[in-house]
Amino acid sequence: MSPSAAAARAAGAQCALFDLPPTPGGCPQTEQSEPDLTWYDYLLLSLSGGKDSQYTALTVARLARLAGVLERVVAVHAHLDEDHEDAEEYARMHAEAYGAPRFEVVRRDQTLLEHVLERGKWPSAEARYCTSDHKRAPIGTLMTRLADEADPKRLGRPVRILNVMGMRAEESSTRARRDVLRHNKRETNLTRRHVDDWLPVHTASVAEVRAALDASGVPHHPAYDGDDGEPWAGCSRLSCELCVLASKGDLVLNARRNPARAQEYLRVEQITGHDFRADLSMAKIIDLANAGPPMKAH
């Protein structure tokens, strides 16, 4: 079999894996969990400033260097005003430290609290409009811009984007069920762009993540540390500072660390008449925060 015929067969096999019709240029020649990074025009790396996205940046930069495509990495941070302080700065630092040549910041022209007031209720596990509207949608707009830059007409095929995210199976049963590599039908346009989602650190444990980041020498966000500076003794996750999906411990800790923001959330809770979470109101979180020991200065 000639090299071109072999490549065509491999491309067809990948189309079958993703249940896709053949497209100009074929489909990526990959195994289900190990994409061929050289096949993609962009490796779009989502960075939150948190530990898992930092570990993803470290991992992807290493693999992209080995594949000779580090210049194709575009790091993106979806900014929310409700993020932890300095989350954007840490995301930028992680991108630069691990060698990503380009860093983009995207955002919705509305804060999450404004959105909550507009809807009259908070996001929830069943209605995660905070993720869909404030993260996925702005990142989708960036994908459109990247496709325009690469120009499908010039390429003679759709622009290929690998959407890289730092989700780990250990975090939740929902994330554990995610495929490591899957075709993103929602973001794909067969004439302009082909998008696949990849979770390169899906099987990593939290212990592996922490050990790798400590060894890398690149600082992790201080929200993870205790108030006495003890590494990894603070927040367990870095999402919005007061995230409806956060653990009770993280919510109380962050309400204690940033009482002004907790009061903003309480005001929205009172205006909407809708509890921050069905099992835990912001008023209760603030009561628990006030009942604890005083926070030490960082």
Protein backbone atom coordinates (compact mmCIF):
# COMPACT_ATOMS: atom_id res chain seq x y z
CA MET A 1 0.00 0.00 0.00
CA SER A 2 1.32 3.43 -0.94
CA PRO A 3 1.94 6.08 1.77
CA SER A 4 -0.93 8.19 0.42
CA ALA A 5 -3.32 5.24 0.47
CA ALA A 6 -2.25 4.37 4.02
CA ALA A 7 -2.85 7.95 5.13
CA ALA A 8 -6.29 7.94 3.51
CA ARG A 9 -7.20 4.70 5.28
CA ALA A 10 -6.04 6.12 8.65
CA ALA A 11 -8.01 9.33 8.07
CA GLY A 12 -11.10 7.32 7.21
CA ALA A 13 -10.73 5.25 10.36
CA GLN A 14 -10.63 8.41 12.47
CA CYS A 15 -13.75 9.74 10.74
CA ALA A 16 -15.47 6.48 11.62
CA LEU A 17 -14.34 6.81 15.25
CA PHE A 18 -15.97 10.22 15.53
CA ASP A 19 -18.95 9.21 13.31
CA LEU A 20 -18.05 11.94 10.80
CA PRO A 21 -18.41 12.21 7.05
CA PRO A 22 -15.08 12.60 5.20
CA THR A 23 -14.00 16.23 4.85
CA PRO A 24 -11.32 17.92 2.72
CA GLY A 25 -8.00 16.90 4.24
CA GLY A 26 -9.47 13.91 6.07
CA CYS A 27 -9.69 13.37 9.81
CA PRO A 28 -6.81 13.18 12.33
CA GLN A 29 -4.70 10.03 12.32
CA THR A 30 -4.87 9.31 16.03
CA GLU A 31 -5.73 6.74 18.62
CA GLN A 32 -8.81 7.57 20.66
CA SER A 33 -6.92 9.17 23.54
CA GLU A 34 -3.69 10.25 21.83
CA PRO A 35 -4.27 12.86 19.14
CA ASP A 36 -1.68 13.53 16.47
CA LEU A 37 -0.79 17.09 17.42
CA THR A 38 0.81 17.73 14.03
CA TRP A 39 -2.58 17.31 12.32
CA TYR A 40 -4.06 20.40 13.98
CA ASP A 41 -3.54 24.02 12.97
CA TYR A 42 -4.14 25.25 16.54
CA LEU A 43 -3.80 23.67 19.97
CA LEU A 44 -6.22 25.85 21.94
CA LEU A 45 -5.21 25.53 25.59
CA SER A 46 -7.72 26.74 28.21
CA LEU A 47 -6.02 28.14 31.32
CA SER A 48 -7.89 29.18 34.46
CA GLY A 49 -4.88 29.90 36.66
CA GLY A 50 -5.71 26.77 38.66
CA LYS A 51 -3.61 23.69 39.35
CA ASP A 52 -5.21 21.39 36.77
CA SER A 53 -4.90 23.87 33.91
CA GLN A 54 -1.32 24.60 35.00
CA TYR A 55 -0.52 20.87 34.88
CA THR A 56 -2.23 20.71 31.47
CA ALA A 57 -0.05 23.57 30.24
CA LEU A 58 3.08 21.76 31.44
CA THR A 59 1.95 18.52 29.78
CA VAL A 60 0.85 20.01 26.46
CA ALA A 61 3.96 22.17 26.14
CA ARG A 62 6.14 19.07 26.57
CA LEU A 63 4.17 17.05 24.02
CA ALA A 64 3.96 19.94 21.56
CA ARG A 65 7.74 20.41 21.75
CA LEU A 66 8.29 16.72 21.08
CA ALA A 67 5.95 16.95 18.08
CA GLY A 68 7.62 20.14 16.84
CA VAL A 69 4.40 22.20 16.98
CA LEU A 70 4.80 24.40 20.06
CA GLU A 71 4.24 27.46 17.87
CA ARG A 72 0.67 26.26 17.27
CA VAL A 73 -0.32 26.52 20.94
CA VAL A 74 -2.75 29.34 21.74
CA ALA A 75 -3.47 29.71 25.46
CA VAL A 76 -6.84 31.24 26.36
CA HIS A 77 -8.21 32.48 29.67
CA ALA A 78 -11.97 33.00 29.98
CA HIS A 79 -12.14 35.91 32.40
CA LEU A 80 -14.93 36.37 34.93
CA ASP A 81 -14.97 39.28 37.35
CA GLU A 82 -15.97 36.72 39.99
CA ASP A 83 -12.71 34.76 39.59
CA HIS A 84 -10.14 34.55 42.36
CA GLU A 85 -7.91 37.61 42.51
CA ASP A 86 -4.99 37.38 40.09
CA ALA A 87 -6.37 34.28 38.31
CA GLU A 88 -5.78 35.91 34.93
CA GLU A 89 -2.23 36.91 35.90
CA TYR A 90 -1.43 33.36 37.00
CA ALA A 91 -2.92 31.93 33.79
CA ARG A 92 -0.69 34.27 31.79
CA MET A 93 2.34 33.35 33.89
CA HIS A 94 1.70 29.63 33.36
CA ALA A 95 1.36 30.11 29.60
CA GLU A 96 4.61 32.05 29.39
CA ALA A 97 6.55 29.81 31.80
CA TYR A 98 5.78 26.64 29.86
CA GLY A 99 6.41 28.21 26.47
CA ALA A 100 3.01 28.96 24.93
CA PRO A 101 3.75 31.63 22.30
CA ARG A 102 0.33 33.29 22.41
CA PHE A 103 -2.08 34.21 25.21
CA GLU A 104 -5.65 35.39 24.68
CA VAL A 105 -8.22 36.67 27.18
CA VAL A 106 -11.92 36.34 26.34
CA ARG A 107 -14.95 37.46 28.30
CA ARG A 108 -18.68 38.12 28.13
CA ASP A 109 -19.80 41.75 28.20
CA GLN A 110 -21.67 41.16 31.45
CA THR A 111 -20.55 40.03 34.87
CA LEU A 112 -21.86 36.78 36.29
CA LEU A 113 -23.68 38.62 39.10
CA GLU A 114 -25.38 40.86 36.54
CA HIS A 115 -26.41 37.72 34.69
CA VAL A 116 -27.79 36.17 37.88
CA LEU A 117 -29.86 39.30 38.53
CA GLU A 118 -31.14 39.19 34.96
CA ARG A 119 -32.19 35.54 35.22
CA GLY A 120 -33.43 35.80 38.79
CA LYS A 121 -31.65 32.67 39.95
CA TRP A 122 -28.17 31.24 40.43
CA PRO A 123 -26.49 28.70 38.16
CA SER A 124 -26.62 25.08 39.29
CA ALA A 125 -25.26 21.69 38.32
CA GLU A 126 -28.31 21.27 36.10
CA ALA A 127 -28.19 24.81 34.63
CA ARG A 128 -24.53 25.77 34.29
CA TYR A 129 -25.08 28.92 32.27
CA CYS A 130 -22.00 30.36 33.98
CA THR A 131 -19.92 27.84 32.00
CA SER A 132 -21.86 27.88 28.75
CA ASP A 133 -22.33 31.66 28.49
CA HIS A 134 -19.22 33.02 30.22
CA LYS A 135 -16.63 30.44 29.15
CA ARG A 136 -17.65 28.21 26.24
CA ALA A 137 -19.34 30.94 24.21
CA PRO A 138 -16.45 33.46 24.36
CA ILE A 139 -13.96 30.67 23.60
CA GLY A 140 -16.15 29.68 20.65
CA THR A 141 -15.88 33.25 19.38
CA LEU A 142 -12.09 32.95 19.60
CA MET A 143 -12.28 29.73 17.57
CA THR A 144 -14.10 31.67 14.86
CA ARG A 145 -11.37 34.30 14.88
CA LEU A 146 -8.63 31.68 14.69
CA ALA A 147 -10.37 29.99 11.77
CA ASP A 148 -10.57 33.33 9.99
CA GLU A 149 -6.86 33.91 10.58
CA ALA A 150 -5.88 30.53 9.14
CA ASP A 151 -8.33 31.00 6.23
CA PRO A 152 -10.02 27.76 5.10
CA LYS A 153 -10.05 28.96 1.50
CA ARG A 154 -6.28 29.32 1.53
CA LEU A 155 -5.86 25.92 3.18
CA GLY A 156 -8.38 24.23 0.93
CA ARG A 157 -9.99 22.56 3.96
CA PRO A 158 -11.56 23.38 7.31
CA VAL A 159 -9.18 24.79 9.95
CA ARG A 160 -8.33 22.13 12.54
CA ILE A 161 -8.54 23.09 16.21
CA LEU A 162 -7.73 20.86 19.17
CA ASN A 163 -9.61 22.26 22.18
CA VAL A 164 -7.47 21.29 25.20
CA MET A 165 -8.94 21.34 28.71
CA GLY A 166 -7.66 20.34 32.14
CA MET A 167 -10.56 18.23 33.40
CA ARG A 168 -9.64 15.27 35.62
CA ALA A 169 -11.73 12.16 36.24
CA GLU A 170 -11.00 12.35 39.97
CA GLU A 171 -12.90 15.65 40.31
CA SER A 172 -16.43 14.32 39.80
CA SER A 173 -18.46 11.42 38.43
CA THR A 174 -19.56 13.63 35.54
CA ARG A 175 -15.98 14.41 34.53
CA ALA A 176 -14.98 10.78 35.02
CA ARG A 177 -17.44 9.86 32.25
CA ARG A 178 -15.93 12.30 29.77
CA ASP A 179 -14.07 10.88 26.78
CA VAL A 180 -10.41 11.78 26.74
CA LEU A 181 -10.69 12.63 23.04
CA ARG A 182 -13.93 13.37 21.25
CA HIS A 183 -15.20 15.30 18.29
CA ASN A 184 -16.91 18.59 19.19
CA LYS A 185 -19.93 18.69 16.90
CA ARG A 186 -21.25 21.91 18.42
CA GLU A 187 -18.17 23.93 17.52
CA THR A 188 -17.45 22.23 14.20
CA ASN A 189 -18.48 23.76 10.89
CA LEU A 190 -17.69 21.36 8.07
CA THR A 191 -16.74 24.17 5.68
CA ARG A 192 -14.69 26.36 8.05
CA ARG A 193 -13.42 24.50 11.12
CA HIS A 194 -13.06 21.03 12.61
CA VAL A 195 -12.87 20.98 16.43
CA ASP A 196 -11.93 18.09 18.71
CA ASP A 197 -11.83 18.17 22.53
CA TRP A 198 -8.88 16.64 24.38
CA LEU A 199 -8.39 16.06 28.11
CA PRO A 200 -4.68 15.18 28.38
CA VAL A 201 -4.55 14.98 32.21
CA HIS A 202 -7.88 13.18 32.66
CA THR A 203 -6.38 10.22 34.53
CA ALA A 204 -4.00 12.21 36.76
CA SER A 205 -4.47 12.18 40.52
CA VAL A 206 -4.35 15.33 42.62
CA ALA A 207 -1.14 14.02 44.20
CA GLU A 208 0.45 13.69 40.76
CA VAL A 209 -0.62 17.19 39.82
CA ARG A 210 0.78 18.76 42.98
CA ALA A 211 4.07 16.86 42.77
CA ALA A 212 4.59 17.83 39.11
CA LEU A 213 3.85 21.50 39.76
CA ASP A 214 6.16 21.62 42.77
CA ALA A 215 8.91 20.02 40.69
CA SER A 216 8.38 22.47 37.81
CA GLY A 217 9.31 25.45 39.98
CA VAL A 218 6.50 27.55 38.47
CA PRO A 219 4.29 29.04 41.23
CA HIS A 220 0.74 27.81 41.65
CA HIS A 221 -2.05 30.20 42.66
CA PRO A 222 -1.80 31.17 46.36
CA ALA A 223 -5.48 30.40 46.99
CA TYR A 224 -4.42 26.76 47.28
CA ASP A 225 -2.14 27.54 50.22
CA GLY A 226 -3.08 27.91 53.86
CA ASP A 227 -3.15 31.29 55.50
CA ASP A 228 0.10 30.45 57.26
CA GLY A 229 1.69 29.82 53.85
CA GLU A 230 1.54 26.03 54.07
CA PRO A 231 1.44 24.70 50.48
CA TRP A 232 -1.81 23.07 49.33
CA ALA A 233 -3.52 23.67 52.71
CA GLY A 234 -6.10 26.18 51.40
CA CYS A 235 -8.71 25.87 48.65
CA SER A 236 -9.13 22.51 46.95
CA ARG A 237 -10.14 24.06 43.60
CA LEU A 238 -9.82 27.37 41.77
CA SER A 239 -13.02 28.26 39.95
CA CYS A 240 -15.03 31.38 40.68
CA GLU A 241 -14.17 32.48 44.19
CA LEU A 242 -17.72 31.69 45.31
CA CYS A 243 -18.76 28.96 42.89
CA VAL A 244 -22.12 27.21 43.26
CA LEU A 245 -20.34 23.91 42.58
CA ALA A 246 -17.54 24.44 45.11
CA SER A 247 -17.23 22.42 48.28
CA LYS A 248 -18.72 23.82 51.47
CA GLY A 249 -15.23 24.14 52.93
CA ASP A 250 -13.96 26.18 49.99
CA LEU A 251 -17.00 28.46 50.09
CA VAL A 252 -16.63 29.19 53.79
CA LEU A 253 -12.88 29.73 53.45
CA ASN A 254 -13.31 32.15 50.53
CA ALA A 255 -16.15 34.04 52.22
CA ARG A 256 -13.82 34.52 55.18
CA ARG A 257 -10.93 35.60 52.96
CA ASN A 258 -13.03 38.01 50.91
CA PRO A 259 -16.00 39.17 53.03
CA ALA A 260 -16.76 42.09 50.68
CA ARG A 261 -17.42 39.74 47.79
CA ALA A 262 -19.52 37.46 50.00
CA GLN A 263 -21.66 40.49 50.88
CA GLU A 264 -22.13 41.24 47.15
CA TYR A 265 -23.40 37.69 46.68
CA LEU A 266 -25.68 38.03 49.70
CA ARG A 267 -27.18 41.20 48.21
CA VAL A 268 -27.94 39.36 44.95
CA GLU A 269 -29.40 36.45 46.92
CA GLN A 270 -31.71 38.86 48.77
CA ILE A 271 -32.77 40.72 45.61
CA THR A 272 -33.58 37.55 43.65
CA GLY A 273 -35.09 35.69 46.59
CA HIS A 274 -33.25 32.62 45.30
CA ASP A 275 -30.79 30.82 47.57
CA PHE A 276 -27.22 30.65 46.32
CA ARG A 277 -27.55 26.86 46.44
CA ALA A 278 -30.52 24.67 47.31
CA ASP A 279 -28.63 23.14 50.23
CA LEU A 280 -26.61 26.20 51.25
CA SER A 281 -27.56 29.87 51.20
CA MET A 282 -24.99 32.65 51.02
CA ALA A 283 -26.35 33.94 54.32
CA LYS A 284 -25.45 30.60 55.91
CA ILE A 285 -22.01 30.58 54.30
CA ILE A 286 -21.29 34.02 55.75
CA ASP A 287 -22.50 32.91 59.19
CA LEU A 288 -20.12 29.93 59.07
CA ALA A 289 -17.27 32.15 57.88
CA ASN A 290 -17.84 34.62 60.72
CA ALA A 291 -17.93 31.83 63.27
CA GLY A 292 -14.44 30.62 62.34
CA PRO A 293 -11.05 31.91 63.48
CA PRO A 294 -9.82 35.24 62.11
CA MET A 295 -7.84 35.00 58.85
CA LYS A 296 -4.16 35.74 58.85
CA ALA A 297 -2.79 38.26 56.38
CA HIS A 298 -1.10 36.79 53.31
